[in-house]
Structures are given as C-alpha cells and as structure tokens.
Amino acid sequence: MRSLLYIIAVILVIGWVFGFFVNHAGGLIHILLVIAIIALLLGVIRRA
C-alpha cells in the first residue's frame, strides 16, 4: 500500500510539472500537486 501511494504521488508530480510547462490545464495542475503532497505525507505518517 505504501509503494502504491508513492507511485501515485510521483505520477501526479510528473503531471504537475508537465502541465506547468504546457499551461493548458490551469488550476487543475495545482490541485494535482496538492494531492501528490498529501499522498507523500500520508506515506510518511503511516511509516512512522
């Protein structure tokens, strides 16, 4: 389960970076970044 969260977080961060450079998705890109950060934080909290 932990590795799945990291995979999702990495995919979302890559999507955010790609969208940042393309600038077609607008605010959706920033929502993806927030979701990725939350997924990483949940992974770190559950590990501890």
Protein backbone atom coordinates (compact mmCIF):
# COMPACT_ATOMS: atom_id res chain seq x y z
CA MET A 1 0.00 0.00 0.00
CA ARG A 2 2.85 2.35 0.85
CA SER A 3 4.56 1.90 -2.52
CA LEU A 4 1.24 2.50 -4.28
CA LEU A 5 0.96 5.91 -2.59
CA TYR A 6 4.47 6.81 -3.72
CA ILE A 7 3.74 5.72 -7.29
CA ILE A 8 0.58 7.82 -7.37
CA ALA A 9 2.43 10.79 -5.87
CA VAL A 10 5.23 10.55 -8.44
CA ILE A 11 2.74 10.33 -11.31
CA LEU A 12 0.89 13.38 -10.00
CA VAL A 13 4.10 15.38 -9.60
CA ILE A 14 5.18 14.47 -13.13
CA GLY A 15 1.75 15.54 -14.39
CA TRP A 16 2.06 18.81 -12.47
CA VAL A 17 5.49 19.57 -13.93
CA PHE A 18 4.32 18.70 -17.44
CA GLY A 19 1.22 20.85 -17.03
CA PHE A 20 3.25 23.71 -15.60
CA PHE A 21 5.30 23.90 -18.77
CA VAL A 22 2.38 23.37 -21.13
CA ASN A 23 -0.02 25.69 -19.21
CA HIS A 24 -3.21 24.27 -20.72
CA ALA A 25 -4.87 22.82 -17.64
CA GLY A 26 -4.89 25.94 -15.44
CA GLY A 27 -5.81 25.35 -11.80
CA LEU A 28 -6.11 21.57 -12.21
CA ILE A 29 -2.32 21.29 -12.24
CA HIS A 30 -2.02 22.88 -8.81
CA ILE A 31 -4.68 20.54 -7.46
CA LEU A 32 -2.58 17.61 -8.71
CA LEU A 33 0.42 18.98 -6.83
CA VAL A 34 -1.57 19.29 -3.60
CA ILE A 35 -2.87 15.72 -3.96
CA ALA A 36 0.68 14.46 -4.56
CA ILE A 37 1.98 16.22 -1.46
CA ILE A 38 -0.87 14.82 0.64
CA ALA A 39 -0.14 11.31 -0.66
CA LEU A 40 3.53 11.67 0.27
CA LEU A 41 2.68 12.99 3.72
CA LEU A 42 0.27 10.11 4.32
CA GLY A 43 3.00 7.67 3.34
CA VAL A 44 5.47 9.28 5.73
CA ILE A 45 2.95 9.42 8.58
CA ARG A 46 1.91 5.79 8.14
CA ARG A 47 5.54 4.68 8.07
CA ALA A 48 6.27 6.31 11.46
